């Protein structure tokens, strides 16, 4: 049987009274979520955008069959670790220390009482094409044609030039310089610059993916901890 959940003092040093109170309230919110839900998932994410993650929040905000909503915490990893406890002596419930140890980097927590299969199927199918950001490694060569360039208004010529596209105005249209029929924006394996990403955005070319990967699952009933991916 898992140890009974209990009130634990939260030690927050070198902070103002207002900040300490805010952090203590956050830790208590996390612990309340632990007490009020059947399962806890730690998830990692890539290419996070608030508009795309909003759909995830809305999905889990809907009550389950018993009328219980889920809860998501994103960011504040150190406070999340503090709420769960990083050692066997500190952990709020059995085996939560294993989740706390993995709570670093681009991760979040989902507390839910929905069926396991339903939750994991949702995240398995949650993949959306997205625009790449600077620093992303291009998965393929990208070439824009003269026709693609000429579909844009003349007013964009200067902006295209700033983004590294060799263009000019000819016969009232934006075209590639020197009679070129195509221009390579990036190569496979190339780390994209901010200018390249802006150029890809103008042509509606999506190279990255928005996805959320479940890392582990913790069950409140018996403290069972399961890895769902290699961390």
Protein backbone atom coordinates (compact mmCIF):
# COMPACT_ATOMS: atom_id res chain seq x y z
CA UNK A 1 0.00 0.00 0.00
CA UNK A 2 1.28 3.48 -0.74
CA UNK A 3 2.14 5.69 2.19
CA UNK A 4 -0.68 7.99 3.25
CA UNK A 5 -0.44 11.45 1.78
CA UNK A 6 0.34 14.00 4.40
CA UNK A 7 0.90 17.67 4.90
CA UNK A 8 4.57 18.52 4.50
CA UNK A 9 6.25 21.81 5.33
CA UNK A 10 7.56 23.60 2.28
CA UNK A 11 10.91 25.30 2.87
CA UNK A 12 11.45 28.33 0.63
CA UNK A 13 14.50 30.40 1.52
CA UNK A 14 15.86 33.72 0.25
CA UNK A 15 12.53 34.95 -1.05
CA UNK A 16 10.23 37.81 -0.09
CA UNK A 17 7.13 37.08 1.97
CA UNK A 18 4.84 37.66 -1.03
CA UNK A 19 6.98 35.41 -3.23
CA UNK A 20 7.12 32.71 -0.56
CA UNK A 21 3.36 32.77 -0.22
CA UNK A 22 2.88 32.53 -3.98
CA UNK A 23 5.29 29.60 -4.27
CA UNK A 24 3.74 27.82 -1.29
CA UNK A 25 0.29 28.21 -2.86
CA UNK A 26 1.60 26.74 -6.13
CA UNK A 27 3.11 23.74 -4.33
CA UNK A 28 -0.16 23.17 -2.51
CA UNK A 29 -2.09 23.34 -5.80
CA UNK A 30 0.12 20.58 -7.19
CA UNK A 31 -0.37 18.45 -4.09
CA UNK A 32 -4.13 18.99 -4.23
CA UNK A 33 -4.02 17.75 -7.82
CA UNK A 34 -2.13 14.66 -6.67
CA UNK A 35 -4.81 13.99 -4.06
CA UNK A 36 -7.74 14.56 -6.41
CA UNK A 37 -6.73 12.54 -9.49
CA UNK A 38 -6.04 8.88 -10.22
CA UNK A 39 -2.98 9.33 -12.42
CA UNK A 40 -0.10 11.66 -13.09
CA UNK A 41 1.68 11.89 -16.45
CA UNK A 42 4.95 13.66 -17.09
CA UNK A 43 5.16 14.83 -20.70
CA UNK A 44 7.83 16.47 -22.82
CA UNK A 45 7.22 18.76 -25.77
CA UNK A 46 8.90 20.15 -28.86
CA UNK A 47 8.23 23.41 -30.69
CA UNK A 48 5.75 24.58 -28.09
CA UNK A 49 3.32 27.25 -29.25
CA UNK A 50 0.59 28.56 -26.99
CA UNK A 51 -2.12 28.42 -29.66
CA UNK A 52 -1.48 24.73 -30.31
CA UNK A 53 -1.19 23.76 -26.65
CA UNK A 54 -4.47 25.56 -25.97
CA UNK A 55 -6.32 22.72 -27.70
CA UNK A 56 -4.70 20.24 -25.30
CA UNK A 57 -5.77 22.27 -22.28
CA UNK A 58 -9.31 22.55 -23.63
CA UNK A 59 -9.48 18.80 -24.29
CA UNK A 60 -8.55 17.90 -20.72
CA UNK A 61 -10.60 20.69 -19.19
CA UNK A 62 -13.73 18.81 -20.20
CA UNK A 63 -15.07 16.71 -17.28
CA UNK A 64 -14.72 12.93 -17.47
CA UNK A 65 -17.58 10.44 -17.04
CA UNK A 66 -17.66 11.16 -13.32
CA UNK A 67 -17.63 14.92 -13.76
CA UNK A 68 -13.97 15.40 -12.82
CA UNK A 69 -11.72 17.69 -14.82
CA UNK A 70 -7.99 17.17 -15.35
CA UNK A 71 -5.21 19.58 -14.40
CA UNK A 72 -2.07 20.59 -16.30
CA UNK A 73 1.00 22.30 -14.87
CA UNK A 74 3.58 23.74 -17.24
CA UNK A 75 6.84 25.37 -16.19
CA UNK A 76 8.18 26.03 -12.67
CA UNK A 77 10.02 22.71 -12.68
CA UNK A 78 11.79 23.32 -9.35
CA UNK A 79 8.50 23.95 -7.60
CA UNK A 80 6.96 20.89 -9.24
CA UNK A 81 9.90 18.85 -7.93
CA UNK A 82 9.45 20.38 -4.49
CA UNK A 83 5.75 19.52 -4.46
CA UNK A 84 6.42 15.87 -5.35
CA UNK A 85 9.64 15.46 -3.38
CA UNK A 86 12.97 14.40 -4.86
CA UNK A 87 13.96 11.77 -2.28
CA UNK A 88 12.27 8.81 -0.61
CA UNK A 89 12.11 10.81 2.62
CA UNK A 90 10.67 13.93 0.98
CA UNK A 91 8.26 12.43 -1.57
CA UNK A 92 4.61 13.35 -1.09
CA UNK A 93 3.48 9.82 -1.98
CA UNK A 94 5.22 6.56 -2.88
CA UNK A 95 7.45 6.76 -5.96
CA UNK A 96 6.72 10.40 -6.78
CA UNK A 97 10.44 10.98 -6.40
CA UNK A 98 10.89 9.09 -9.69
CA UNK A 99 8.68 11.61 -11.48
CA UNK A 100 10.41 14.54 -9.77
CA UNK A 101 13.84 13.36 -10.95
CA UNK A 102 12.60 13.50 -14.57
CA UNK A 103 11.03 16.93 -14.20
CA UNK A 104 13.57 19.07 -16.03
CA UNK A 105 13.77 20.85 -19.35
CA UNK A 106 10.71 21.23 -21.57
CA UNK A 107 8.23 19.16 -19.59
CA UNK A 108 4.86 19.45 -17.87
CA UNK A 109 2.53 17.46 -15.61
CA UNK A 110 -0.95 16.18 -16.41
CA UNK A 111 -3.17 15.04 -13.53
CA UNK A 112 -6.21 13.10 -14.68
CA UNK A 113 -8.68 10.38 -13.77
CA UNK A 114 -9.48 9.52 -17.37
CA UNK A 115 -8.89 5.93 -18.58
CA UNK A 116 -5.26 5.16 -19.34
CA UNK A 117 -5.94 3.99 -22.90
CA UNK A 118 -7.89 7.15 -23.71
CA UNK A 119 -5.16 9.48 -22.45
CA UNK A 120 -2.29 7.67 -24.14
CA UNK A 121 -4.12 7.32 -27.46
CA UNK A 122 -4.80 11.06 -27.47
CA UNK A 123 -1.10 11.90 -27.18
CA UNK A 124 -0.04 9.16 -29.61
CA UNK A 125 -2.06 10.85 -32.35
CA UNK A 126 -1.25 14.44 -31.37
CA UNK A 127 1.12 15.51 -34.15
CA UNK A 128 0.72 18.70 -36.19
CA UNK A 129 2.95 20.21 -38.84
CA UNK A 130 4.38 23.54 -37.73
CA UNK A 131 6.65 26.33 -38.89
CA UNK A 132 10.29 25.91 -37.90
CA UNK A 133 12.04 28.25 -35.51
CA UNK A 134 15.61 29.50 -35.61
CA UNK A 135 18.05 26.78 -34.55
CA UNK A 136 15.92 23.97 -35.98
CA UNK A 137 17.72 21.44 -38.20
CA UNK A 138 16.04 21.21 -41.58
CA UNK A 139 14.85 17.67 -42.38
CA UNK A 140 15.05 18.26 -46.14
CA UNK A 141 16.11 20.58 -48.94
CA UNK A 142 13.67 23.42 -49.60
CA UNK A 143 13.49 25.11 -52.97
CA UNK A 144 11.17 27.97 -53.94
CA UNK A 145 10.35 28.55 -57.60
CA UNK A 146 10.07 31.78 -59.52
CA UNK A 147 6.33 31.20 -59.70
CA UNK A 148 6.10 30.96 -55.91
CA UNK A 149 8.03 34.22 -55.56
CA UNK A 150 5.95 36.09 -58.15
CA UNK A 151 2.74 35.28 -56.27
CA UNK A 152 3.76 37.88 -53.68
CA UNK A 153 3.17 41.64 -54.05
CA UNK A 154 5.91 43.98 -55.24
CA UNK A 155 5.90 45.64 -51.83
CA UNK A 156 7.58 42.55 -50.38
CA UNK A 157 10.70 42.79 -52.52
CA UNK A 158 12.83 44.58 -49.90
CA UNK A 159 11.75 42.20 -47.18
CA UNK A 160 12.60 39.20 -49.37
CA UNK A 161 16.05 40.65 -49.98
CA UNK A 162 16.60 41.05 -46.23
CA UNK A 163 15.67 37.40 -45.84
CA UNK A 164 18.35 36.36 -48.33
CA UNK A 165 16.24 35.89 -51.45
CA UNK A 166 17.85 37.28 -54.65
CA UNK A 167 14.83 39.08 -56.12
CA UNK A 168 13.97 42.07 -58.26
CA UNK A 169 10.89 43.66 -59.78
CA UNK A 170 10.32 42.87 -63.43
CA UNK A 171 7.22 43.72 -65.43
CA UNK A 172 5.37 44.60 -62.26
CA UNK A 173 6.17 41.28 -60.52
CA UNK A 174 8.69 40.09 -57.95
CA UNK A 175 11.00 37.56 -59.63
CA UNK A 176 14.31 35.85 -58.99
CA UNK A 177 17.35 37.74 -60.29
CA UNK A 178 19.16 36.66 -63.44
CA UNK A 179 16.35 34.64 -64.94
CA UNK A 180 16.69 31.95 -62.29
CA UNK A 181 13.76 29.56 -62.09
CA UNK A 182 14.37 28.45 -58.50
CA UNK A 183 16.24 29.29 -55.31
CA UNK A 184 17.31 26.99 -52.49
CA UNK A 185 16.19 28.37 -49.12
CA UNK A 186 17.92 25.66 -47.06
CA UNK A 187 19.60 22.27 -47.27
CA UNK A 188 18.84 19.06 -45.42
CA UNK A 189 20.68 19.05 -42.08
CA UNK A 190 21.27 22.80 -42.12
CA UNK A 191 20.58 24.68 -38.88
CA UNK A 192 18.07 27.35 -39.81
CA UNK A 193 18.62 31.04 -39.19
CA UNK A 194 15.85 33.44 -38.19
CA UNK A 195 15.83 34.82 -41.74
CA UNK A 196 15.40 31.38 -43.29
CA UNK A 197 12.50 30.63 -40.92
CA UNK A 198 10.79 33.89 -41.85
CA UNK A 199 11.24 33.08 -45.54
CA UNK A 200 9.72 29.62 -45.06
CA UNK A 201 6.81 31.21 -43.22
CA UNK A 202 6.11 33.54 -46.15
CA UNK A 203 5.83 30.54 -48.46
CA UNK A 204 3.75 28.51 -46.00
CA UNK A 205 6.39 25.78 -45.72
CA UNK A 206 6.23 23.81 -42.45
CA UNK A 207 9.29 21.74 -41.59
CA UNK A 208 8.82 20.99 -37.89
CA UNK A 209 6.18 19.21 -35.86
CA UNK A 210 4.31 20.10 -32.72
CA UNK A 211 4.10 16.97 -30.61
CA UNK A 212 3.83 16.00 -26.97
CA UNK A 213 5.52 12.82 -25.76
CA UNK A 214 4.43 11.04 -22.60
CA UNK A 215 7.52 10.28 -20.52
CA UNK A 216 6.11 8.39 -17.54
CA UNK A 217 2.94 7.53 -15.65
CA UNK A 218 2.33 7.40 -11.91
CA UNK A 219 -0.78 5.83 -10.33
CA UNK A 220 -2.22 7.19 -7.10
CA UNK A 221 -3.90 3.96 -5.99
CA UNK A 222 -0.71 1.97 -5.49
CA UNK A 223 2.18 4.34 -6.31
CA UNK A 224 2.98 2.36 -9.46
CA UNK A 225 5.54 4.17 -11.64
CA UNK A 226 5.98 3.31 -15.31
CA UNK A 227 8.36 4.75 -17.90
CA UNK A 228 6.67 5.38 -21.24
CA UNK A 229 9.73 6.52 -23.19
CA UNK A 230 13.51 6.61 -22.78
CA UNK A 231 14.32 9.71 -20.75
